[in-house]
Amino acid sequence: MLKKFLFSTMAFLLGVLVTFASIGLSSVEIPAVQDLSLKNSAVLQAKEQPSPYDWIQESDIEMYDNGVVLNIANPQWAVFADTNSMDPVIDAGAHAIEIIPTTPDEVHVGDIVSYSTPGATIIHRVIKTGYDSNGWYAIFKGDNNPIKDPEKVRFSQIKRIVVAVIY
């Protein structure tokens, strides 16, 4: 009985070694889930959250051995205060590339945007946009904050939109 167990274990380990030798030990791409039972598992059913707009198209990214070029019109460099309101996306040491929007149509739900308030610049995520009697507005919330920001933000307060976070 013990001999069978040891033989089976050794055969299994040999199979694992052969598999790793044939595919290499670098990176392994996991194919898209085909098995519907996995697609319906609780692990893969996280609630969809609004994501930032796709500002940088794949055709705007050039990869070289010695660097990366992002073709972005009028890029702005940003550094952040460590307030923890946007953890874990923006934290101590993170930097960003931002653009300056020219119309409210360029501000999307899910975008991370800097806007001015008296005495401060806030960088939070847009959770809603709309129109009221005073015109266009956006509602913001820090990802790590339990409640939304208290005011409607007007387009004149919008400063920049984050298009890339650099760690």
N, C-alpha and C. Protein backbone atom coordinates (compact mmCIF):
# COMPACT_ATOMS: atom_id res chain seq x y z
N MET A 1 0.83 -1.20 0.00
CA MET A 1 0.00 0.00 0.00
C MET A 1 0.87 1.25 0.00
N LEU A 2 1.87 1.27 0.87
CA LEU A 2 2.78 2.41 0.93
C LEU A 2 3.56 2.54 -0.37
N LYS A 3 3.96 1.39 -0.97
CA LYS A 3 4.68 1.43 -2.23
C LYS A 3 3.83 2.06 -3.32
N LYS A 4 2.53 1.69 -3.36
CA LYS A 4 1.62 2.26 -4.38
C LYS A 4 1.51 3.78 -4.20
N PHE A 5 1.38 4.21 -2.95
CA PHE A 5 1.26 5.64 -2.66
C PHE A 5 2.52 6.39 -3.09
N LEU A 6 3.69 5.87 -2.72
CA LEU A 6 4.94 6.51 -3.10
C LEU A 6 5.12 6.53 -4.61
N PHE A 7 4.79 5.44 -5.28
CA PHE A 7 4.92 5.37 -6.73
C PHE A 7 3.98 6.40 -7.39
N SER A 8 2.75 6.47 -6.92
CA SER A 8 1.79 7.43 -7.47
C SER A 8 2.26 8.87 -7.25
N THR A 9 2.76 9.15 -6.07
CA THR A 9 3.24 10.49 -5.76
C THR A 9 4.43 10.86 -6.64
N MET A 10 5.36 9.93 -6.81
CA MET A 10 6.53 10.19 -7.66
C MET A 10 6.11 10.39 -9.11
N ALA A 11 5.15 9.60 -9.58
CA ALA A 11 4.66 9.75 -10.96
C ALA A 11 4.01 11.13 -11.14
N PHE A 12 3.24 11.56 -10.16
CA PHE A 12 2.61 12.87 -10.20
C PHE A 12 3.65 13.98 -10.25
N LEU A 13 4.65 13.92 -9.37
CA LEU A 13 5.69 14.95 -9.33
C LEU A 13 6.50 14.97 -10.63
N LEU A 14 6.77 13.80 -11.19
CA LEU A 14 7.47 13.73 -12.46
C LEU A 14 6.64 14.42 -13.56
N GLY A 15 5.33 14.19 -13.54
CA GLY A 15 4.44 14.85 -14.50
C GLY A 15 4.46 16.36 -14.35
N VAL A 16 4.48 16.84 -13.11
CA VAL A 16 4.56 18.28 -12.86
C VAL A 16 5.86 18.83 -13.41
N LEU A 17 6.98 18.16 -13.14
CA LEU A 17 8.28 18.61 -13.63
C LEU A 17 8.32 18.65 -15.15
N VAL A 18 7.79 17.63 -15.79
CA VAL A 18 7.77 17.59 -17.25
C VAL A 18 6.91 18.74 -17.79
N THR A 19 5.79 19.00 -17.15
CA THR A 19 4.92 20.09 -17.58
C THR A 19 5.63 21.43 -17.47
N PHE A 20 6.28 21.70 -16.31
CA PHE A 20 7.00 22.95 -16.16
C PHE A 20 8.16 23.06 -17.14
N ALA A 21 8.83 21.97 -17.39
CA ALA A 21 9.94 21.99 -18.34
C ALA A 21 9.44 22.31 -19.74
N SER A 22 8.26 21.83 -20.09
CA SER A 22 7.75 22.06 -21.45
C SER A 22 7.18 23.46 -21.64
N ILE A 23 6.64 24.08 -20.58
CA ILE A 23 6.07 25.42 -20.74
C ILE A 23 7.00 26.50 -20.23
N GLY A 24 8.03 26.12 -19.51
CA GLY A 24 8.95 27.12 -18.96
C GLY A 24 8.43 27.63 -17.64
N LEU A 25 9.32 28.23 -16.88
CA LEU A 25 8.95 28.72 -15.55
C LEU A 25 8.68 30.21 -15.54
N SER A 26 8.64 30.86 -16.71
CA SER A 26 8.40 32.28 -16.73
C SER A 26 6.94 32.56 -16.41
N SER A 27 6.23 33.19 -17.28
CA SER A 27 4.83 33.48 -16.99
C SER A 27 3.93 32.54 -17.76
N VAL A 28 2.77 32.27 -17.19
CA VAL A 28 1.79 31.40 -17.82
C VAL A 28 0.52 32.20 -17.99
N GLU A 29 0.01 32.26 -19.20
CA GLU A 29 -1.24 32.96 -19.45
C GLU A 29 -2.39 32.01 -19.15
N ILE A 30 -3.32 32.47 -18.35
CA ILE A 30 -4.49 31.66 -18.03
C ILE A 30 -5.58 32.01 -19.01
N PRO A 31 -6.10 31.05 -19.76
CA PRO A 31 -7.13 31.36 -20.76
C PRO A 31 -8.42 31.83 -20.10
N ALA A 32 -9.24 32.49 -20.89
CA ALA A 32 -10.54 32.95 -20.40
C ALA A 32 -11.34 31.76 -19.88
N VAL A 33 -12.17 32.02 -18.89
CA VAL A 33 -12.97 30.96 -18.29
C VAL A 33 -13.98 30.45 -19.31
N GLN A 34 -13.95 29.17 -19.59
CA GLN A 34 -14.90 28.55 -20.51
C GLN A 34 -15.98 27.79 -19.75
N ASP A 35 -15.65 27.30 -18.58
CA ASP A 35 -16.56 26.48 -17.79
C ASP A 35 -17.59 27.37 -17.10
N LEU A 36 -18.85 27.23 -17.48
CA LEU A 36 -19.90 28.08 -16.90
C LEU A 36 -20.02 27.93 -15.41
N SER A 37 -19.67 26.76 -14.87
CA SER A 37 -19.77 26.60 -13.42
C SER A 37 -18.78 27.52 -12.72
N LEU A 38 -17.61 27.80 -13.36
CA LEU A 38 -16.67 28.74 -12.77
C LEU A 38 -17.16 30.17 -12.96
N LYS A 39 -17.74 30.49 -14.11
CA LYS A 39 -18.24 31.84 -14.35
C LYS A 39 -19.32 32.21 -13.33
N ASN A 40 -20.07 31.23 -12.88
CA ASN A 40 -21.16 31.52 -11.96
C ASN A 40 -20.75 31.39 -10.50
N SER A 41 -19.48 31.18 -10.23
CA SER A 41 -19.05 31.04 -8.84
C SER A 41 -19.08 32.39 -8.14
N ALA A 42 -19.20 32.37 -6.84
CA ALA A 42 -19.28 33.60 -6.05
C ALA A 42 -18.01 34.43 -6.19
N VAL A 43 -16.87 33.80 -6.40
CA VAL A 43 -15.61 34.51 -6.51
C VAL A 43 -15.62 35.43 -7.72
N LEU A 44 -16.22 35.01 -8.81
CA LEU A 44 -16.21 35.79 -10.04
C LEU A 44 -17.42 36.69 -10.19
N GLN A 45 -18.23 36.83 -9.16
CA GLN A 45 -19.43 37.65 -9.29
C GLN A 45 -19.35 38.92 -8.45
N ALA A 46 -18.20 39.57 -8.45
CA ALA A 46 -18.07 40.84 -7.75
C ALA A 46 -18.94 41.89 -8.44
N LYS A 47 -19.42 42.84 -7.69
CA LYS A 47 -20.27 43.89 -8.22
C LYS A 47 -19.48 44.79 -9.16
N GLU A 48 -20.03 45.07 -10.33
CA GLU A 48 -19.39 45.96 -11.29
C GLU A 48 -19.32 47.37 -10.71
N GLN A 49 -18.16 47.99 -10.80
CA GLN A 49 -17.96 49.37 -10.35
C GLN A 49 -17.61 50.23 -11.55
N PRO A 50 -18.02 51.50 -11.56
CA PRO A 50 -17.65 52.38 -12.67
C PRO A 50 -16.13 52.53 -12.74
N SER A 51 -15.58 52.33 -13.90
CA SER A 51 -14.15 52.47 -14.13
C SER A 51 -13.88 53.79 -14.83
N PRO A 52 -12.65 54.28 -14.73
CA PRO A 52 -12.32 55.50 -15.47
C PRO A 52 -12.47 55.30 -16.97
N TYR A 53 -12.75 56.39 -17.65
CA TYR A 53 -12.86 56.41 -19.11
C TYR A 53 -11.53 55.95 -19.70
N ASP A 54 -11.57 55.34 -20.87
CA ASP A 54 -10.37 54.84 -21.54
C ASP A 54 -9.72 55.97 -22.33
N TRP A 55 -8.95 56.79 -21.65
CA TRP A 55 -8.35 57.97 -22.26
C TRP A 55 -7.18 57.64 -23.17
N ILE A 56 -6.41 56.61 -22.84
CA ILE A 56 -5.22 56.28 -23.61
C ILE A 56 -5.49 55.00 -24.39
N GLN A 57 -5.63 55.13 -25.69
CA GLN A 57 -5.89 53.98 -26.55
C GLN A 57 -4.60 53.17 -26.71
N GLU A 58 -4.74 51.90 -27.00
CA GLU A 58 -3.57 51.05 -27.19
C GLU A 58 -2.66 51.60 -28.29
N SER A 59 -3.23 52.19 -29.31
CA SER A 59 -2.43 52.76 -30.40
C SER A 59 -1.61 53.98 -29.95
N ASP A 60 -1.93 54.54 -28.77
CA ASP A 60 -1.19 55.68 -28.22
C ASP A 60 -0.05 55.27 -27.30
N ILE A 61 0.19 53.96 -27.19
CA ILE A 61 1.24 53.45 -26.31
C ILE A 61 2.33 52.80 -27.16
N GLU A 62 3.55 53.27 -26.99
CA GLU A 62 4.68 52.70 -27.72
C GLU A 62 5.66 52.12 -26.71
N MET A 63 5.96 50.84 -26.87
CA MET A 63 6.87 50.14 -25.97
C MET A 63 8.23 49.95 -26.64
N TYR A 64 9.29 50.29 -25.91
CA TYR A 64 10.66 50.12 -26.39
C TYR A 64 11.46 49.41 -25.31
N ASP A 65 12.62 48.90 -25.68
CA ASP A 65 13.48 48.24 -24.71
C ASP A 65 13.92 49.19 -23.60
N ASN A 66 14.05 50.47 -23.91
CA ASN A 66 14.55 51.43 -22.93
C ASN A 66 13.48 52.38 -22.41
N GLY A 67 12.20 52.12 -22.67
CA GLY A 67 11.17 53.01 -22.14
C GLY A 67 9.82 52.83 -22.80
N VAL A 68 8.90 53.66 -22.35
CA VAL A 68 7.53 53.65 -22.84
C VAL A 68 7.17 55.08 -23.24
N VAL A 69 6.47 55.23 -24.35
CA VAL A 69 5.98 56.53 -24.78
C VAL A 69 4.46 56.48 -24.80
N LEU A 70 3.85 57.44 -24.10
CA LEU A 70 2.40 57.60 -24.12
C LEU A 70 2.11 58.86 -24.91
N ASN A 71 1.38 58.72 -25.99
CA ASN A 71 1.03 59.87 -26.82
C ASN A 71 -0.24 60.50 -26.28
N ILE A 72 -0.06 61.51 -25.43
CA ILE A 72 -1.17 62.19 -24.76
C ILE A 72 -1.03 63.69 -25.04
N ALA A 73 -2.09 64.30 -25.55
CA ALA A 73 -2.07 65.73 -25.81
C ALA A 73 -2.10 66.50 -24.50
N ASN A 74 -1.23 67.48 -24.36
CA ASN A 74 -1.19 68.38 -23.22
C ASN A 74 -1.16 67.65 -21.86
N PRO A 75 -0.22 66.73 -21.65
CA PRO A 75 -0.18 66.02 -20.36
C PRO A 75 0.27 66.94 -19.23
N GLN A 76 -0.25 66.68 -18.05
CA GLN A 76 0.09 67.43 -16.85
C GLN A 76 0.59 66.42 -15.80
N TRP A 77 1.67 66.75 -15.09
CA TRP A 77 2.23 65.88 -14.06
C TRP A 77 1.54 66.19 -12.73
N ALA A 78 1.25 65.17 -11.94
CA ALA A 78 0.58 65.38 -10.66
C ALA A 78 1.26 64.60 -9.56
N VAL A 79 1.33 65.21 -8.40
CA VAL A 79 1.74 64.53 -7.17
C VAL A 79 0.59 64.71 -6.18
N PHE A 80 0.51 63.83 -5.20
CA PHE A 80 -0.65 63.82 -4.32
C PHE A 80 -0.25 63.91 -2.85
N ALA A 81 -1.10 64.53 -2.06
CA ALA A 81 -0.96 64.48 -0.61
C ALA A 81 -1.49 63.13 -0.13
N ASP A 82 -0.90 62.60 0.90
CA ASP A 82 -1.30 61.29 1.40
C ASP A 82 -2.44 61.44 2.42
N THR A 83 -3.67 61.61 1.92
CA THR A 83 -4.82 61.79 2.80
C THR A 83 -5.55 60.48 3.08
N ASN A 84 -5.21 59.42 2.34
CA ASN A 84 -5.84 58.10 2.43
C ASN A 84 -7.24 58.04 1.85
N SER A 85 -7.77 59.15 1.33
CA SER A 85 -9.15 59.13 0.82
C SER A 85 -9.28 58.32 -0.46
N MET A 86 -8.20 58.14 -1.21
CA MET A 86 -8.27 57.39 -2.46
C MET A 86 -7.50 56.08 -2.40
N ASP A 87 -7.17 55.63 -1.18
CA ASP A 87 -6.52 54.31 -1.03
C ASP A 87 -7.45 53.24 -1.57
N PRO A 88 -6.94 52.22 -2.18
CA PRO A 88 -5.54 51.93 -2.46
C PRO A 88 -5.06 52.42 -3.83
N VAL A 89 -5.91 53.07 -4.61
CA VAL A 89 -5.52 53.48 -5.97
C VAL A 89 -4.44 54.56 -5.92
N ILE A 90 -4.65 55.58 -5.12
CA ILE A 90 -3.67 56.66 -4.98
C ILE A 90 -3.22 56.67 -3.53
N ASP A 91 -1.94 56.45 -3.33
CA ASP A 91 -1.38 56.41 -1.98
C ASP A 91 -0.04 57.12 -1.98
N ALA A 92 0.62 57.12 -0.85
CA ALA A 92 1.92 57.78 -0.72
C ALA A 92 2.85 57.29 -1.83
N GLY A 93 3.52 58.21 -2.48
CA GLY A 93 4.48 57.86 -3.52
C GLY A 93 3.89 57.76 -4.92
N ALA A 94 2.58 57.74 -5.05
CA ALA A 94 1.96 57.65 -6.39
C ALA A 94 2.05 59.02 -7.08
N HIS A 95 2.18 58.96 -8.37
CA HIS A 95 2.16 60.14 -9.22
C HIS A 95 1.16 59.86 -10.34
N ALA A 96 0.84 60.89 -11.10
CA ALA A 96 -0.13 60.66 -12.17
C ALA A 96 0.14 61.57 -13.35
N ILE A 97 -0.41 61.17 -14.47
CA ILE A 97 -0.49 62.02 -15.65
C ILE A 97 -1.96 62.41 -15.76
N GLU A 98 -2.19 63.70 -15.94
CA GLU A 98 -3.56 64.21 -16.02
C GLU A 98 -3.71 65.04 -17.30
N ILE A 99 -4.97 65.25 -17.68
CA ILE A 99 -5.29 66.14 -18.78
C ILE A 99 -6.27 67.20 -18.28
N ILE A 100 -6.35 68.30 -18.98
CA ILE A 100 -7.27 69.37 -18.63
C ILE A 100 -8.50 69.26 -19.52
N PRO A 101 -9.67 68.98 -18.95
CA PRO A 101 -10.88 68.86 -19.80
C PRO A 101 -11.32 70.23 -20.30
N THR A 102 -11.96 70.22 -21.47
CA THR A 102 -12.43 71.49 -22.04
C THR A 102 -13.95 71.62 -21.99
N THR A 103 -14.65 70.49 -21.80
CA THR A 103 -16.12 70.54 -21.71
C THR A 103 -16.58 69.54 -20.66
N PRO A 104 -17.77 69.72 -20.13
CA PRO A 104 -18.32 68.75 -19.16
C PRO A 104 -18.47 67.34 -19.74
N ASP A 105 -18.65 67.25 -21.06
CA ASP A 105 -18.80 65.94 -21.70
C ASP A 105 -17.55 65.07 -21.54
N GLU A 106 -16.44 65.67 -21.20
CA GLU A 106 -15.19 64.92 -21.01
C GLU A 106 -15.04 64.35 -19.60
N VAL A 107 -15.96 64.66 -18.73
CA VAL A 107 -15.91 64.17 -17.35
C VAL A 107 -16.91 63.02 -17.23
N HIS A 108 -16.41 61.82 -16.94
CA HIS A 108 -17.24 60.62 -16.92
C HIS A 108 -17.35 60.03 -15.52
N VAL A 109 -18.49 59.39 -15.24
CA VAL A 109 -18.62 58.62 -14.01
C VAL A 109 -17.52 57.56 -14.01
N GLY A 110 -16.81 57.45 -12.90
CA GLY A 110 -15.69 56.52 -12.78
C GLY A 110 -14.35 57.20 -12.88
N ASP A 111 -14.29 58.38 -13.52
CA ASP A 111 -13.02 59.10 -13.64
C ASP A 111 -12.55 59.59 -12.28
N ILE A 112 -11.24 59.69 -12.14
CA ILE A 112 -10.63 60.33 -10.97
C ILE A 112 -10.26 61.73 -11.41
N VAL A 113 -10.79 62.72 -10.70
CA VAL A 113 -10.73 64.11 -11.14
C VAL A 113 -10.26 64.98 -9.98
N SER A 114 -9.47 66.01 -10.31
CA SER A 114 -9.13 67.01 -9.30
C SER A 114 -10.06 68.20 -9.51
N TYR A 115 -10.55 68.72 -8.39
CA TYR A 115 -11.40 69.90 -8.45
C TYR A 115 -11.06 70.82 -7.29
N SER A 116 -11.36 72.10 -7.48
CA SER A 116 -11.01 73.07 -6.45
C SER A 116 -12.20 73.40 -5.58
N THR A 117 -11.88 73.58 -4.31
CA THR A 117 -12.83 74.09 -3.32
C THR A 117 -12.11 75.24 -2.63
N PRO A 118 -12.80 76.09 -1.91
CA PRO A 118 -12.09 77.17 -1.22
C PRO A 118 -10.97 76.60 -0.32
N GLY A 119 -9.75 76.94 -0.66
CA GLY A 119 -8.62 76.55 0.17
C GLY A 119 -8.02 75.18 -0.10
N ALA A 120 -8.55 74.41 -1.06
CA ALA A 120 -8.01 73.06 -1.28
C ALA A 120 -8.31 72.57 -2.70
N THR A 121 -7.49 71.62 -3.13
CA THR A 121 -7.76 70.87 -4.34
C THR A 121 -8.02 69.43 -3.91
N ILE A 122 -9.13 68.87 -4.35
CA ILE A 122 -9.55 67.52 -3.98
C ILE A 122 -9.38 66.61 -5.19
N ILE A 123 -8.90 65.40 -4.97
CA ILE A 123 -8.81 64.40 -6.03
C ILE A 123 -9.67 63.22 -5.60
N HIS A 124 -10.84 63.08 -6.20
CA HIS A 124 -11.78 61.99 -5.89
C HIS A 124 -12.38 61.45 -7.17
N ARG A 125 -13.16 60.39 -7.03
CA ARG A 125 -13.79 59.73 -8.17
C ARG A 125 -15.19 60.30 -8.40
N VAL A 126 -15.53 60.50 -9.68
CA VAL A 126 -16.87 60.95 -10.06
C VAL A 126 -17.83 59.78 -9.88
N ILE A 127 -18.89 59.98 -9.08
CA ILE A 127 -19.88 58.91 -8.89
C ILE A 127 -21.22 59.24 -9.56
N LYS A 128 -21.38 60.51 -9.99
CA LYS A 128 -22.63 60.88 -10.65
C LYS A 128 -22.41 62.21 -11.37
N THR A 129 -23.06 62.37 -12.52
CA THR A 129 -23.12 63.68 -13.18
C THR A 129 -24.57 63.98 -13.50
N GLY A 130 -24.87 65.24 -13.65
CA GLY A 130 -26.24 65.61 -13.97
C GLY A 130 -26.37 67.10 -14.24
N TYR A 131 -27.60 67.51 -14.40
CA TYR A 131 -27.91 68.93 -14.63
C TYR A 131 -28.99 69.34 -13.64
N ASP A 132 -28.89 70.56 -13.14
CA ASP A 132 -29.94 71.14 -12.32
C ASP A 132 -30.14 72.58 -12.78
N SER A 133 -30.85 73.39 -12.03
CA SER A 133 -31.14 74.76 -12.45
C SER A 133 -29.88 75.62 -12.60
N ASN A 134 -28.77 75.20 -11.99
CA ASN A 134 -27.50 75.93 -12.13
C ASN A 134 -26.59 75.35 -13.21
N GLY A 135 -27.05 74.32 -13.93
CA GLY A 135 -26.26 73.72 -15.00
C GLY A 135 -25.65 72.38 -14.62
N TRP A 136 -24.58 72.04 -15.31
CA TRP A 136 -23.91 70.75 -15.13
C TRP A 136 -23.27 70.67 -13.74
N TYR A 137 -23.29 69.45 -13.18
CA TYR A 137 -22.59 69.21 -11.91
C TYR A 137 -22.11 67.77 -11.86
N ALA A 138 -21.19 67.52 -10.94
CA ALA A 138 -20.71 66.17 -10.66
C ALA A 138 -20.71 65.96 -9.15
N ILE A 139 -20.96 64.73 -8.76
CA ILE A 139 -20.87 64.32 -7.36
C ILE A 139 -19.63 63.43 -7.24
N PHE A 140 -18.85 63.63 -6.20
CA PHE A 140 -17.59 62.91 -6.01
C PHE A 140 -17.59 62.13 -4.70
N LYS A 141 -16.69 61.15 -4.65
CA LYS A 141 -16.48 60.38 -3.42
C LYS A 141 -15.06 59.82 -3.46
N GLY A 142 -14.36 59.91 -2.36
CA GLY A 142 -13.07 59.24 -2.24
C GLY A 142 -13.31 57.74 -2.14
N ASP A 143 -12.51 56.94 -2.85
CA ASP A 143 -12.71 55.49 -2.83
C ASP A 143 -12.69 54.91 -1.43
N ASN A 144 -11.91 55.49 -0.54
CA ASN A 144 -11.75 54.98 0.82
C ASN A 144 -12.61 55.75 1.83
N ASN A 145 -13.45 56.65 1.35
CA ASN A 145 -14.33 57.41 2.24
C ASN A 145 -15.69 56.73 2.35
N PRO A 146 -16.30 56.77 3.53
CA PRO A 146 -17.60 56.09 3.70
C PRO A 146 -18.77 56.86 3.08
N ILE A 147 -18.62 58.16 2.87
CA ILE A 147 -19.72 58.95 2.31
C ILE A 147 -19.22 59.81 1.16
N LYS A 148 -20.16 60.27 0.33
CA LYS A 148 -19.80 61.13 -0.81
C LYS A 148 -19.40 62.51 -0.33
N ASP A 149 -18.76 63.25 -1.22
CA ASP A 149 -18.39 64.63 -0.91
C ASP A 149 -19.66 65.46 -0.76
N PRO A 150 -19.63 66.50 0.09
CA PRO A 150 -20.87 67.19 0.47
C PRO A 150 -21.48 68.11 -0.57
N GLU A 151 -20.73 68.49 -1.61
CA GLU A 151 -21.26 69.50 -2.53
C GLU A 151 -21.35 69.01 -3.96
N LYS A 152 -22.21 69.67 -4.73
CA LYS A 152 -22.22 69.48 -6.18
C LYS A 152 -21.06 70.30 -6.73
N VAL A 153 -20.26 69.69 -7.57
CA VAL A 153 -19.10 70.36 -8.15
C VAL A 153 -19.45 70.80 -9.57
N ARG A 154 -19.22 72.05 -9.86
CA ARG A 154 -19.51 72.63 -11.17
C ARG A 154 -18.29 72.51 -12.07
N PHE A 155 -18.53 72.56 -13.39
CA PHE A 155 -17.43 72.39 -14.33
C PHE A 155 -16.33 73.43 -14.12
N SER A 156 -16.68 74.61 -13.73
CA SER A 156 -15.67 75.66 -13.50
C SER A 156 -14.70 75.28 -12.37
N GLN A 157 -15.09 74.34 -11.52
CA GLN A 157 -14.21 73.89 -10.43
C GLN A 157 -13.29 72.74 -10.85
N ILE A 158 -13.64 72.07 -11.96
CA ILE A 158 -12.86 70.92 -12.43
C ILE A 158 -11.51 71.42 -12.94
N LYS A 159 -10.43 70.80 -12.47
CA LYS A 159 -9.09 71.20 -12.90
C LYS A 159 -8.47 70.20 -13.87
N ARG A 160 -8.46 68.91 -13.50
CA ARG A 160 -7.79 67.91 -14.31
C ARG A 160 -8.46 66.55 -14.14
N ILE A 161 -8.21 65.67 -15.12
CA ILE A 161 -8.68 64.29 -15.07
C ILE A 161 -7.45 63.38 -15.09
N VAL A 162 -7.39 62.44 -14.17
CA VAL A 162 -6.29 61.49 -14.13
C VAL A 162 -6.45 60.49 -15.28
N VAL A 163 -5.40 60.35 -16.09
CA VAL A 163 -5.44 59.37 -17.19
C VAL A 163 -4.45 58.23 -16.98
N ALA A 164 -3.51 58.39 -16.04
CA ALA A 164 -2.56 57.32 -15.73
C ALA A 164 -2.01 57.54 -14.33
N VAL A 165 -2.01 56.49 -13.53
CA VAL A 165 -1.38 56.52 -12.21
C VAL A 165 -0.07 55.78 -12.31
N ILE A 166 0.98 56.39 -11.77
CA ILE A 166 2.31 55.80 -11.85
C ILE A 166 2.80 55.53 -10.44
N TYR A 167 3.19 54.27 -10.20
CA TYR A 167 3.64 53.87 -8.88
C TYR A 167 5.14 53.71 -8.85
